[in-house]
Amino acid sequence: MTRAFRDPNQIEIRQDGDLGLAIFNYDFVINDKVHHSGLEVWQLCKIDGQWKILSVTWTSYDRS
């Protein structure tokens, strides 16, 4: 099983001070076949100089 960015050049990153968002499309691959795809959003916060993931939300669309 593999979860892959659909297009690494299409990752949207937003930052406002110590808060950030990473938004991207992904494909979930099982045995070289895309099982499902969707949009993933990570909410991040910079704590003591390091970015930490606060939450992850996603959609999932069946492609099997």
PDB file of N, CA and C in Angstrom:
ATOM      1  N   MET A   1       0.837  -1.180   0.000  1.00  0.00           N
ATOM      2  CA  MET A   1       0.000   0.000   0.000  1.00  0.00           C
ATOM      3  C   MET A   1       0.880   1.240   0.000  1.00  0.00           C
ATOM      4  N   THR A   2       0.454   2.200  -0.765  1.00  0.00           N
ATOM      5  CA  THR A   2       1.196   3.452  -0.863  1.00  0.00           C
ATOM      6  C   THR A   2       0.213   4.605  -0.983  1.00  0.00           C
ATOM      7  N   ARG A   3       0.487   5.671  -0.262  1.00  0.00           N
ATOM      8  CA  ARG A   3      -0.272   6.905  -0.479  1.00  0.00           C
ATOM      9  C   ARG A   3       0.701   7.879  -1.101  1.00  0.00           C
ATOM     10  N   ALA A   4       0.325   8.417  -2.257  1.00  0.00           N
ATOM     11  CA  ALA A   4       1.249   9.272  -2.996  1.00  0.00           C
ATOM     12  C   ALA A   4       0.584  10.584  -3.371  1.00  0.00           C
ATOM     13  N   PHE A   5       1.390  11.648  -3.386  1.00  0.00           N
ATOM     14  CA  PHE A   5       0.913  12.916  -3.918  1.00  0.00           C
ATOM     15  C   PHE A   5       0.592  12.691  -5.377  1.00  0.00           C
ATOM     16  N   ARG A   6      -0.557  13.139  -5.812  1.00  0.00           N
ATOM     17  CA  ARG A   6      -0.906  12.978  -7.227  1.00  0.00           C
ATOM     18  C   ARG A   6       0.055  13.779  -8.094  1.00  0.00           C
ATOM     19  N   ASP A   7       0.370  15.005  -7.690  1.00  0.00           N
ATOM     20  CA  ASP A   7       1.309  15.853  -8.432  1.00  0.00           C
ATOM     21  C   ASP A   7       2.057  16.711  -7.414  1.00  0.00           C
ATOM     22  N   PRO A   8       3.312  16.366  -7.089  1.00  0.00           N
ATOM     23  CA  PRO A   8       4.062  17.114  -6.079  1.00  0.00           C
ATOM     24  C   PRO A   8       4.171  18.606  -6.376  1.00  0.00           C
ATOM     25  N   ASN A   9       4.000  18.992  -7.642  1.00  0.00           N
ATOM     26  CA  ASN A   9       4.067  20.413  -7.984  1.00  0.00           C
ATOM     27  C   ASN A   9       2.768  21.141  -7.659  1.00  0.00           C
ATOM     28  N   GLN A  10       1.742  20.410  -7.263  1.00  0.00           N
ATOM     29  CA  GLN A  10       0.440  21.007  -6.979  1.00  0.00           C
ATOM     30  C   GLN A  10       0.151  21.112  -5.479  1.00  0.00           C
ATOM     31  N   ILE A  11       1.151  21.001  -4.644  1.00  0.00           N
ATOM     32  CA  ILE A  11       0.952  21.146  -3.200  1.00  0.00           C
ATOM     33  C   ILE A  11       0.830  22.631  -2.886  1.00  0.00           C
ATOM     34  N   GLU A  12      -0.274  23.000  -2.240  1.00  0.00           N
ATOM     35  CA  GLU A  12      -0.477  24.392  -1.840  1.00  0.00           C
ATOM     36  C   GLU A  12      -0.069  24.530  -0.382  1.00  0.00           C
ATOM     37  N   ILE A  13       0.816  25.477  -0.100  1.00  0.00           N
ATOM     38  CA  ILE A  13       1.277  25.732   1.265  1.00  0.00           C
ATOM     39  C   ILE A  13       0.962  27.168   1.612  1.00  0.00           C
ATOM     40  N   ARG A  14       0.300  27.349   2.743  1.00  0.00           N
ATOM     41  CA  ARG A  14      -0.012  28.697   3.232  1.00  0.00           C
ATOM     42  C   ARG A  14       0.553  28.839   4.636  1.00  0.00           C
ATOM     43  N   GLN A  15       1.065  30.027   4.924  1.00  0.00           N
ATOM     44  CA  GLN A  15       1.631  30.285   6.244  1.00  0.00           C
ATOM     45  C   GLN A  15       1.234  31.676   6.703  1.00  0.00           C
ATOM     46  N   ASP A  16       0.857  31.772   7.966  1.00  0.00           N
ATOM     47  CA  ASP A  16       0.583  33.053   8.607  1.00  0.00           C
ATOM     48  C   ASP A  16       1.205  32.979   9.989  1.00  0.00           C
ATOM     49  N   GLY A  17       2.409  33.528  10.108  1.00  0.00           N
ATOM     50  CA  GLY A  17       3.128  33.441  11.377  1.00  0.00           C
ATOM     51  C   GLY A  17       3.472  31.995  11.696  1.00  0.00           C
ATOM     52  N   ASP A  18       3.033  31.554  12.870  1.00  0.00           N
ATOM     53  CA  ASP A  18       3.349  30.192  13.325  1.00  0.00           C
ATOM     54  C   ASP A  18       2.285  29.169  12.935  1.00  0.00           C
ATOM     55  N   LEU A  19       1.313  29.568  12.115  1.00  0.00           N
ATOM     56  CA  LEU A  19       0.296  28.625  11.633  1.00  0.00           C
ATOM     57  C   LEU A  19       0.500  28.360  10.155  1.00  0.00           C
ATOM     58  N   GLY A  20       0.227  27.139   9.748  1.00  0.00           N
ATOM     59  CA  GLY A  20       0.382  26.795   8.347  1.00  0.00           C
ATOM     60  C   GLY A  20      -0.628  25.762   7.902  1.00  0.00           C
ATOM     61  N   LEU A  21      -0.846  25.688   6.595  1.00  0.00           N
ATOM     62  CA  LEU A  21      -1.699  24.684   5.958  1.00  0.00           C
ATOM     63  C   LEU A  21      -0.946  24.081   4.787  1.00  0.00           C
ATOM     64  N   ALA A  22      -1.078  22.779   4.609  1.00  0.00           N
ATOM     65  CA  ALA A  22      -0.579  22.098   3.419  1.00  0.00           C
ATOM     66  C   ALA A  22      -1.776  21.376   2.810  1.00  0.00           C
ATOM     67  N   ILE A  23      -2.050  21.640   1.524  1.00  0.00           N
ATOM     68  CA  ILE A  23      -3.216  21.095   0.849  1.00  0.00           C
ATOM     69  C   ILE A  23      -2.747  20.409  -0.431  1.00  0.00           C
ATOM     70  N   PHE A  24      -3.187  19.161  -0.638  1.00  0.00           N
ATOM     71  CA  PHE A  24      -2.740  18.431  -1.820  1.00  0.00           C
ATOM     72  C   PHE A  24      -3.701  17.302  -2.164  1.00  0.00           C
ATOM     73  N   ASN A  25      -3.694  16.894  -3.422  1.00  0.00           N
ATOM     74  CA  ASN A  25      -4.430  15.719  -3.885  1.00  0.00           C
ATOM     75  C   ASN A  25      -3.547  14.494  -3.697  1.00  0.00           C
ATOM     76  N   TYR A  26      -4.187  13.350  -3.431  1.00  0.00           N
ATOM     77  CA  TYR A  26      -3.412  12.124  -3.237  1.00  0.00           C
ATOM     78  C   TYR A  26      -4.106  10.951  -3.931  1.00  0.00           C
ATOM     79  N   ASP A  27      -3.335   9.913  -4.193  1.00  0.00           N
ATOM     80  CA  ASP A  27      -3.833   8.623  -4.669  1.00  0.00           C
ATOM     81  C   ASP A  27      -3.379   7.565  -3.676  1.00  0.00           C
ATOM     82  N   PHE A  28      -4.279   6.660  -3.295  1.00  0.00           N
ATOM     83  CA  PHE A  28      -3.937   5.538  -2.421  1.00  0.00           C
ATOM     84  C   PHE A  28      -3.852   4.305  -3.310  1.00  0.00           C
ATOM     85  N   VAL A  29      -2.654   3.713  -3.383  1.00  0.00           N
ATOM     86  CA  VAL A  29      -2.365   2.652  -4.344  1.00  0.00           C
ATOM     87  C   VAL A  29      -2.168   1.319  -3.621  1.00  0.00           C
ATOM     88  N   ILE A  30      -2.866   0.291  -4.102  1.00  0.00           N
ATOM     89  CA  ILE A  30      -2.697  -1.074  -3.599  1.00  0.00           C
ATOM     90  C   ILE A  30      -2.394  -1.961  -4.797  1.00  0.00           C
ATOM     91  N   ASN A  31      -1.282  -2.701  -4.723  1.00  0.00           N
ATOM     92  CA  ASN A  31      -0.863  -3.599  -5.818  1.00  0.00           C
ATOM     93  C   ASN A  31      -0.834  -2.873  -7.168  1.00  0.00           C
ATOM     94  N   ASP A  32      -0.227  -1.715  -7.185  1.00  0.00           N
ATOM     95  CA  ASP A  32      -0.042  -0.911  -8.400  1.00  0.00           C
ATOM     96  C   ASP A  32      -1.350  -0.422  -9.026  1.00  0.00           C
ATOM     97  N   LYS A  33      -2.443  -0.441  -8.268  1.00  0.00           N
ATOM     98  CA  LYS A  33      -3.726   0.047  -8.773  1.00  0.00           C
ATOM     99  C   LYS A  33      -4.270   1.095  -7.794  1.00  0.00           C
ATOM    100  N   VAL A  34      -4.744   2.222  -8.349  1.00  0.00           N
ATOM    101  CA  VAL A  34      -5.306   3.273  -7.497  1.00  0.00           C
ATOM    102  C   VAL A  34      -6.618   2.762  -6.909  1.00  0.00           C
ATOM    103  N   HIS A  35      -6.661   2.669  -5.589  1.00  0.00           N
ATOM    104  CA  HIS A  35      -7.848   2.199  -4.877  1.00  0.00           C
ATOM    105  C   HIS A  35      -8.817   3.346  -4.607  1.00  0.00           C
ATOM    106  N   HIS A  36      -8.276   4.458  -4.098  1.00  0.00           N
ATOM    107  CA  HIS A  36      -9.086   5.662  -3.912  1.00  0.00           C
ATOM    108  C   HIS A  36      -8.195   6.896  -3.974  1.00  0.00           C
ATOM    109  N   SER A  37      -8.828   8.035  -4.176  1.00  0.00           N
ATOM    110  CA  SER A  37      -8.137   9.315  -4.289  1.00  0.00           C
ATOM    111  C   SER A  37      -8.881  10.345  -3.456  1.00  0.00           C
ATOM    112  N   GLY A  38      -8.249  11.486  -3.256  1.00  0.00           N
ATOM    113  CA  GLY A  38      -8.935  12.541  -2.536  1.00  0.00           C
ATOM    114  C   GLY A  38      -8.066  13.760  -2.326  1.00  0.00           C
ATOM    115  N   LEU A  39      -8.568  14.624  -1.477  1.00  0.00           N
ATOM    116  CA  LEU A  39      -7.874  15.849  -1.085  1.00  0.00           C
ATOM    117  C   LEU A  39      -7.481  15.705   0.378  1.00  0.00           C
ATOM    118  N   GLU A  40      -6.260  16.086   0.712  1.00  0.00           N
ATOM    119  CA  GLU A  40      -5.777  16.008   2.089  1.00  0.00           C
ATOM    120  C   GLU A  40      -5.346  17.399   2.538  1.00  0.00           C
ATOM    121  N   VAL A  41      -5.676  17.747   3.772  1.00  0.00           N
ATOM    122  CA  VAL A  41      -5.333  19.053   4.342  1.00  0.00           C
ATOM    123  C   VAL A  41      -4.655  18.830   5.690  1.00  0.00           C
ATOM    124  N   TRP A  42      -3.463  19.386   5.828  1.00  0.00           N
ATOM    125  CA  TRP A  42      -2.736  19.323   7.095  1.00  0.00           C
ATOM    126  C   TRP A  42      -2.727  20.706   7.722  1.00  0.00           C
ATOM    127  N   GLN A  43      -3.080  20.785   8.999  1.00  0.00           N
ATOM    128  CA  GLN A  43      -2.957  22.027   9.757  1.00  0.00           C
ATOM    129  C   GLN A  43      -1.695  21.898  10.596  1.00  0.00           C
ATOM    130  N   LEU A  44      -0.819  22.904  10.503  1.00  0.00           N
ATOM    131  CA  LEU A  44       0.470  22.848  11.185  1.00  0.00           C
ATOM    132  C   LEU A  44       0.663  24.043  12.107  1.00  0.00           C
ATOM    133  N   CYS A  45       1.533  23.864  13.098  1.00  0.00           N
ATOM    134  CA  CYS A  45       1.889  24.941  14.010  1.00  0.00           C
ATOM    135  C   CYS A  45       3.386  24.857  14.293  1.00  0.00           C
ATOM    136  N   LYS A  46       4.045  26.005  14.284  1.00  0.00           N
ATOM    137  CA  LYS A  46       5.475  26.051  14.583  1.00  0.00           C
ATOM    138  C   LYS A  46       5.644  26.200  16.093  1.00  0.00           C
ATOM    139  N   ILE A  47       6.248  25.182  16.706  1.00  0.00           N
ATOM    140  CA  ILE A  47       6.454  25.145  18.152  1.00  0.00           C
ATOM    141  C   ILE A  47       7.948  24.981  18.414  1.00  0.00           C
ATOM    142  N   ASP A  48       8.520  25.902  19.157  1.00  0.00           N
ATOM    143  CA  ASP A  48       9.959  25.860  19.473  1.00  0.00           C
ATOM    144  C   ASP A  48      10.810  25.703  18.207  1.00  0.00           C
ATOM    145  N   GLY A  49      10.397  26.390  17.130  1.00  0.00           N
ATOM    146  CA  GLY A  49      11.180  26.403  15.902  1.00  0.00           C
ATOM    147  C   GLY A  49      10.968  25.212  14.988  1.00  0.00           C
ATOM    148  N   GLN A  50      10.079  24.278  15.356  1.00  0.00           N
ATOM    149  CA  GLN A  50       9.833  23.096  14.523  1.00  0.00           C
ATOM    150  C   GLN A  50       8.356  23.026  14.156  1.00  0.00           C
ATOM    151  N   TRP A  51       8.077  22.660  12.897  1.00  0.00           N
ATOM    152  CA  TRP A  51       6.694  22.514  12.445  1.00  0.00           C
ATOM    153  C   TRP A  51       6.132  21.197  12.938  1.00  0.00           C
ATOM    154  N   LYS A  52       4.944  21.251  13.539  1.00  0.00           N
ATOM    155  CA  LYS A  52       4.242  20.074  14.058  1.00  0.00           C
ATOM    156  C   LYS A  52       2.870  19.995  13.390  1.00  0.00           C
ATOM    157  N   ILE A  53       2.433  18.784  13.083  1.00  0.00           N
ATOM    158  CA  ILE A  53       1.113  18.590  12.498  1.00  0.00           C
ATOM    159  C   ILE A  53       0.084  18.594  13.625  1.00  0.00           C
ATOM    160  N   LEU A  54      -0.895  19.512  13.523  1.00  0.00           N
ATOM    161  CA  LEU A  54      -1.961  19.589  14.519  1.00  0.00           C
ATOM    162  C   LEU A  54      -3.140  18.707  14.147  1.00  0.00           C
ATOM    163  N   SER A  55      -3.480  18.682  12.858  1.00  0.00           N
ATOM    164  CA  SER A  55      -4.615  17.866  12.421  1.00  0.00           C
ATOM    165  C   SER A  55      -4.454  17.514  10.950  1.00  0.00           C
ATOM    166  N   VAL A  56      -5.108  16.424  10.566  1.00  0.00           N
ATOM    167  CA  VAL A  56      -5.145  15.974   9.180  1.00  0.00           C
ATOM    168  C   VAL A  56      -6.601  15.649   8.858  1.00  0.00           C
ATOM    169  N   THR A  57      -7.109  16.233   7.768  1.00  0.00           N
ATOM    170  CA  THR A  57      -8.444  15.897   7.282  1.00  0.00           C
ATOM    171  C   THR A  57      -8.336  15.554   5.804  1.00  0.00           C
ATOM    172  N   TRP A  58      -9.285  14.737   5.318  1.00  0.00           N
ATOM    173  CA  TRP A  58      -9.202  14.312   3.936  1.00  0.00           C
ATOM    174  C   TRP A  58     -10.561  13.890   3.410  1.00  0.00           C
ATOM    175  N   THR A  59     -10.655  13.871   2.099  1.00  0.00           N
ATOM    176  CA  THR A  59     -11.787  13.267   1.421  1.00  0.00           C
ATOM    177  C   THR A  59     -11.303  11.988   0.785  1.00  0.00           C
ATOM    178  N   SER A  60     -12.250  11.112   0.421  1.00  0.00           N
ATOM    179  CA  SER A  60     -11.887   9.832  -0.185  1.00  0.00           C
ATOM    180  C   SER A  60     -12.932   9.461  -1.234  1.00  0.00           C
ATOM    181  N   TYR A  61     -12.460   9.236  -2.464  1.00  0.00           N
ATOM    182  CA  TYR A  61     -13.328   8.876  -3.573  1.00  0.00           C
ATOM    183  C   TYR A  61     -12.872   7.534  -4.141  1.00  0.00           C
ATOM    184  N   ASP A  62     -13.771   6.558  -4.158  1.00  0.00           N
ATOM    185  CA  ASP A  62     -13.460   5.205  -4.633  1.00  0.00           C
ATOM    186  C   ASP A  62     -13.097   5.238  -6.121  1.00  0.00           C
ATOM    187  N   ARG A  63     -11.985   4.574  -6.463  1.00  0.00           N
ATOM    188  CA  ARG A  63     -11.559   4.494  -7.867  1.00  0.00           C
ATOM    189  C   ARG A  63     -11.290   3.059  -8.276  1.00  0.00           C
ATOM    190  N   SER A  64     -11.741   2.116  -7.468  1.00  0.00           N
ATOM    191  CA  SER A  64     -11.471   0.698  -7.806  1.00  0.00           C
ATOM    192  C   SER A  64     -12.510   0.124  -8.739  1.00  0.00           C
TER     193      SER A  64
END
